[in-house]
Amino acid sequence: MISAIKTLFFDKELVSKIKTSDVDSNRLYAQLISGKITLQEYISATR
């Protein structure tokens, strides 16, 4: 489990694109659950 978490990365460009677009929190949550974005990206985008 820990090794799988270490392979995840945080994409700052993706977060900046999400923040500039009009994406609601429900869609972000769906992307998080489907594995398209990481938890760190979700948290950064919702702030």
C-alpha atoms as a PDB file:
ATOM      1  CA  MET A   1       0.000   0.000   0.000  1.00  0.00           C
ATOM      2  CA  ILE A   2       2.739   2.452   0.921  1.00  0.00           C
ATOM      3  CA  SER A   3       4.662   1.699  -2.266  1.00  0.00           C
ATOM      4  CA  ALA A   4       1.516   2.389  -4.305  1.00  0.00           C
ATOM      5  CA  ILE A   5       1.072   5.733  -2.573  1.00  0.00           C
ATOM      6  CA  LYS A   6       4.682   6.691  -3.243  1.00  0.00           C
ATOM      7  CA  THR A   7       4.164   6.217  -6.984  1.00  0.00           C
ATOM      8  CA  LEU A   8       1.364   8.791  -7.055  1.00  0.00           C
ATOM      9  CA  PHE A   9       2.437  12.242  -8.103  1.00  0.00           C
ATOM     10  CA  PHE A  10       1.049  15.743  -7.741  1.00  0.00           C
ATOM     11  CA  ASP A  11       0.509  17.580 -11.022  1.00  0.00           C
ATOM     12  CA  LYS A  12       0.560  21.333 -10.385  1.00  0.00           C
ATOM     13  CA  GLU A  13      -0.378  22.138 -13.985  1.00  0.00           C
ATOM     14  CA  LEU A  14      -3.495  19.994 -13.733  1.00  0.00           C
ATOM     15  CA  VAL A  15      -4.535  21.722 -10.511  1.00  0.00           C
ATOM     16  CA  SER A  16      -4.083  25.159 -12.056  1.00  0.00           C
ATOM     17  CA  LYS A  17      -6.228  24.125 -15.044  1.00  0.00           C
ATOM     18  CA  ILE A  18      -8.920  22.770 -12.731  1.00  0.00           C
ATOM     19  CA  LYS A  19      -8.943  25.992 -10.705  1.00  0.00           C
ATOM     20  CA  THR A  20      -9.337  28.173 -13.800  1.00  0.00           C
ATOM     21  CA  SER A  21     -12.162  26.062 -15.226  1.00  0.00           C
ATOM     22  CA  ASP A  22     -15.655  25.935 -13.780  1.00  0.00           C
ATOM     23  CA  VAL A  23     -15.595  22.431 -12.324  1.00  0.00           C
ATOM     24  CA  ASP A  24     -17.901  21.742  -9.415  1.00  0.00           C
ATOM     25  CA  SER A  25     -16.914  19.673  -6.390  1.00  0.00           C
ATOM     26  CA  ASN A  26     -19.121  16.743  -7.428  1.00  0.00           C
ATOM     27  CA  ARG A  27     -17.247  16.295 -10.697  1.00  0.00           C
ATOM     28  CA  LEU A  28     -13.897  16.581  -8.895  1.00  0.00           C
ATOM     29  CA  TYR A  29     -15.040  13.925  -6.427  1.00  0.00           C
ATOM     30  CA  ALA A  30     -16.038  11.626  -9.291  1.00  0.00           C
ATOM     31  CA  GLN A  31     -12.600  12.070 -10.867  1.00  0.00           C
ATOM     32  CA  LEU A  32     -10.972  11.324  -7.515  1.00  0.00           C
ATOM     33  CA  ILE A  33     -12.964   8.115  -7.049  1.00  0.00           C
ATOM     34  CA  SER A  34     -12.285   6.955 -10.604  1.00  0.00           C
ATOM     35  CA  GLY A  35      -8.546   7.512 -10.123  1.00  0.00           C
ATOM     36  CA  LYS A  36      -8.123  10.300 -12.654  1.00  0.00           C
ATOM     37  CA  ILE A  37      -6.773  12.703 -10.023  1.00  0.00           C
ATOM     38  CA  THR A  38      -4.964  12.102  -6.749  1.00  0.00           C
ATOM     39  CA  LEU A  39      -6.177  13.087  -3.296  1.00  0.00           C
ATOM     40  CA  GLN A  40      -3.586  15.863  -3.125  1.00  0.00           C
ATOM     41  CA  GLU A  41      -4.817  17.293  -6.425  1.00  0.00           C
ATOM     42  CA  TYR A  42      -8.432  17.090  -5.218  1.00  0.00           C
ATOM     43  CA  ILE A  43      -7.640  18.910  -1.989  1.00  0.00           C
ATOM     44  CA  SER A  44      -5.617  21.601  -3.772  1.00  0.00           C
ATOM     45  CA  ALA A  45      -8.305  22.154  -6.386  1.00  0.00           C
ATOM     46  CA  THR A  46     -11.116  22.510  -3.853  1.00  0.00           C
ATOM     47  CA  ARG A  47      -9.325  25.176  -1.812  1.00  0.00           C
END
